[in-house]
C-alpha atoms as a PDB file:
ATOM      1  CA  MET A   1     129.214  83.140  84.827  1.00  0.00           C
ATOM      2  CA  ASN A   2     131.080  81.819  87.824  1.00  0.00           C
ATOM      3  CA  PRO A   3     128.642  80.093  90.231  1.00  0.00           C
ATOM      4  CA  GLU A   4     130.752  81.139  93.217  1.00  0.00           C
ATOM      5  CA  LEU A   5     130.088  84.837  92.657  1.00  0.00           C
ATOM      6  CA  PRO A   6     126.917  86.294  94.121  1.00  0.00           C
ATOM      7  CA  ASP A   7     124.257  87.706  91.832  1.00  0.00           C
ATOM      8  CA  LEU A   8     124.622  91.494  92.074  1.00  0.00           C
ATOM      9  CA  ASN A   9     121.341  92.278  90.328  1.00  0.00           C
ATOM     10  CA  SER A  10     119.053  90.726  92.904  1.00  0.00           C
ATOM     11  CA  GLN A  11     117.187  93.082  95.205  1.00  0.00           C
ATOM     12  CA  THR A  12     116.711  92.412  98.866  1.00  0.00           C
ATOM     13  CA  ALA A  13     113.376  92.938 100.535  1.00  0.00           C
ATOM     14  CA  ALA A  14     114.609  96.164 102.126  1.00  0.00           C
ATOM     15  CA  ASP A  15     115.730  97.536  98.747  1.00  0.00           C
ATOM     16  CA  GLU A  16     112.401  96.683  97.190  1.00  0.00           C
ATOM     17  CA  MET A  17     110.484  98.317 100.045  1.00  0.00           C
ATOM     18  CA  ALA A  18     112.618 101.474  99.811  1.00  0.00           C
ATOM     19  CA  SER A  19     112.009 101.609  96.065  1.00  0.00           C
ATOM     20  CA  ARG A  20     108.237 101.285  96.544  1.00  0.00           C
ATOM     21  CA  THR A  21     108.246 103.979  99.217  1.00  0.00           C
ATOM     22  CA  ALA A  22     110.213 106.340  96.997  1.00  0.00           C
ATOM     23  CA  ASN A  23     107.864 105.687  94.077  1.00  0.00           C
ATOM     24  CA  PHE A  24     104.827 106.312  96.280  1.00  0.00           C
ATOM     25  CA  LEU A  25     106.216 109.602  97.574  1.00  0.00           C
ATOM     26  CA  THR A  26     107.152 110.724  94.062  1.00  0.00           C
ATOM     27  CA  THR A  27     103.676 109.911  92.767  1.00  0.00           C
ATOM     28  CA  PHE A  28     102.067 111.683  95.722  1.00  0.00           C
ATOM     29  CA  LEU A  29     104.154 114.827  95.235  1.00  0.00           C
ATOM     30  CA  LEU A  30     103.495 114.900  91.503  1.00  0.00           C
ATOM     31  CA  GLY A  31      99.764 114.512  92.142  1.00  0.00           C
ATOM     32  CA  LEU A  32      99.922 117.373  94.606  1.00  0.00           C
ATOM     33  CA  ALA A  33     101.837 119.422  92.037  1.00  0.00           C
ATOM     34  CA  VAL A  34      99.048 118.946  89.518  1.00  0.00           C
ATOM     35  CA  ILE A  35      96.210 119.709  91.941  1.00  0.00           C
ATOM     36  CA  ALA A  36      97.638 122.622  93.986  1.00  0.00           C
ATOM     37  CA  PRO A  37      97.580 125.251  91.185  1.00  0.00           C
ATOM     38  CA  LEU A  38      94.053 124.225  90.231  1.00  0.00           C
ATOM     39  CA  VAL A  39      92.880 124.614  93.828  1.00  0.00           C
ATOM     40  CA  LEU A  40      94.478 128.062  93.967  1.00  0.00           C
ATOM     41  CA  LEU A  41      92.783 128.991  90.695  1.00  0.00           C
ATOM     42  CA  VAL A  42      89.361 127.877  91.953  1.00  0.00           C
ATOM     43  CA  MET A  43      89.857 129.808  95.202  1.00  0.00           C
ATOM     44  CA  SER A  44      90.905 132.867  93.223  1.00  0.00           C
ATOM     45  CA  ILE A  45      87.871 132.665  90.941  1.00  0.00           C
ATOM     46  CA  MET A  46      85.517 132.216  93.893  1.00  0.00           C
ATOM     47  CA  SER A  47      86.966 135.183  95.770  1.00  0.00           C
ATOM     48  CA  GLY A  48      87.379 137.321  92.674  1.00  0.00           C
ATOM     49  CA  LYS A  49      90.860 138.420  93.742  1.00  0.00           C
ATOM     50  CA  PHE A  50      94.327 137.868  92.330  1.00  0.00           C
ATOM     51  CA  LEU A  51      93.190 135.926  89.291  1.00  0.00           C
ATOM     52  CA  TRP A  52      96.189 137.194  87.337  1.00  0.00           C
ATOM     53  CA  LEU A  53      98.589 135.813  89.923  1.00  0.00           C
ATOM     54  CA  THR A  54      97.070 132.363  90.059  1.00  0.00           C
ATOM     55  CA  VAL A  55      96.939 132.129  86.254  1.00  0.00           C
ATOM     56  CA  LEU A  56     100.652 132.986  86.141  1.00  0.00           C
ATOM     57  CA  ASP A  57     101.238 130.355  88.807  1.00  0.00           C
ATOM     58  CA  LEU A  58      99.267 127.802  86.806  1.00  0.00           C
ATOM     59  CA  ILE A  59     101.313 128.535  83.683  1.00  0.00           C
ATOM     60  CA  GLY A  60     104.645 128.441  85.537  1.00  0.00           C
ATOM     61  CA  THR A  61     103.814 125.299  87.464  1.00  0.00           C
ATOM     62  CA  TYR A  62     102.659 123.308  84.459  1.00  0.00           C
ATOM     63  CA  THR A  63     105.640 124.539  82.446  1.00  0.00           C
ATOM     64  CA  GLY A  64     107.915 123.178  85.177  1.00  0.00           C
ATOM     65  CA  LEU A  65     106.039 119.883  85.188  1.00  0.00           C
ATOM     66  CA  LEU A  66     106.330 119.586  81.403  1.00  0.00           C
ATOM     67  CA  ILE A  67     110.067 120.276  81.587  1.00  0.00           C
ATOM     68  CA  MET A  68     110.386 117.613  84.265  1.00  0.00           C
ATOM     69  CA  LEU A  69     108.361 115.151  82.176  1.00  0.00           C
ATOM     70  CA  ARG A  70     110.652 115.818  79.230  1.00  0.00           C
ATOM     71  CA  GLY A  71     113.610 115.113  81.504  1.00  0.00           C
ATOM     72  CA  TYR A  72     112.137 111.748  82.494  1.00  0.00           C
ATOM     73  CA  ARG A  73     111.443 110.926  78.875  1.00  0.00           C
ATOM     74  CA  ASP A  74     114.985 111.808  77.752  1.00  0.00           C
ATOM     75  CA  ASP A  75     116.546 110.466  80.964  1.00  0.00           C
ATOM     76  CA  ASN A  76     118.158 113.865  81.482  1.00  0.00           C
ATOM     77  CA  ARG A  77     118.849 114.579  85.123  1.00  0.00           C
ATOM     78  CA  ALA A  78     119.420 118.304  84.586  1.00  0.00           C
ATOM     79  CA  LEU A  79     115.988 118.734  82.983  1.00  0.00           C
ATOM     80  CA  LYS A  80     114.355 116.840  85.841  1.00  0.00           C
ATOM     81  CA  ARG A  81     116.022 119.100  88.383  1.00  0.00           C
ATOM     82  CA  TRP A  82     115.270 122.253  86.378  1.00  0.00           C
ATOM     83  CA  GLY A  83     111.585 121.343  85.981  1.00  0.00           C
ATOM     84  CA  ALA A  84     111.120 120.447  89.638  1.00  0.00           C
ATOM     85  CA  SER A  85     112.793 123.639  90.805  1.00  0.00           C
ATOM     86  CA  THR A  86     110.730 125.735  88.355  1.00  0.00           C
ATOM     87  CA  HIS A  87     107.553 124.200  89.689  1.00  0.00           C
ATOM     88  CA  ALA A  88     108.528 124.627  93.327  1.00  0.00           C
ATOM     89  CA  VAL A  89     109.774 128.215  92.953  1.00  0.00           C
ATOM     90  CA  THR A  90     106.693 129.283  90.991  1.00  0.00           C
ATOM     91  CA  LEU A  91     104.307 127.826  93.543  1.00  0.00           C
ATOM     92  CA  LEU A  92     106.279 129.222  96.470  1.00  0.00           C
ATOM     93  CA  LEU A  93     106.458 132.715  94.949  1.00  0.00           C
ATOM     94  CA  CYS A  94     102.724 132.679  94.284  1.00  0.00           C
ATOM     95  CA  LEU A  95     101.949 131.730  97.872  1.00  0.00           C
ATOM     96  CA  VAL A  96     104.336 134.371  99.249  1.00  0.00           C
ATOM     97  CA  VAL A  97     102.890 137.126  97.042  1.00  0.00           C
ATOM     98  CA  LEU A  98      99.342 136.084  97.969  1.00  0.00           C
ATOM     99  CA  ALA A  99     100.254 136.251 101.658  1.00  0.00           C
ATOM    100  CA  ILE A 100     101.839 139.695 101.236  1.00  0.00           C
ATOM    101  CA  LEU A 101      98.968 141.146  99.197  1.00  0.00           C
ATOM    102  CA  GLN A 102      96.241 139.895 101.535  1.00  0.00           C
END
């Protein structure tokens, strides 16, 4: 390797901080994705209403998360995108239908 050329693999402090911030936000959103359907299910059980809708939401959300996990495992960007959109659409549709039916 030529000593006059700069090392292109080194990260600056700003790059490292941006990477940590992105990882934190990803972890936070995934944690929220796991907890939100469970909270909706508990609220549905306590109120005794719309249990069928929240169970469908739970199934759809966790299916999307499993697809996204498979995408991370296979390093497949399309699966990651498909799983994240499945999760988001399922949760959003559940919340919209709950708001309409209330």
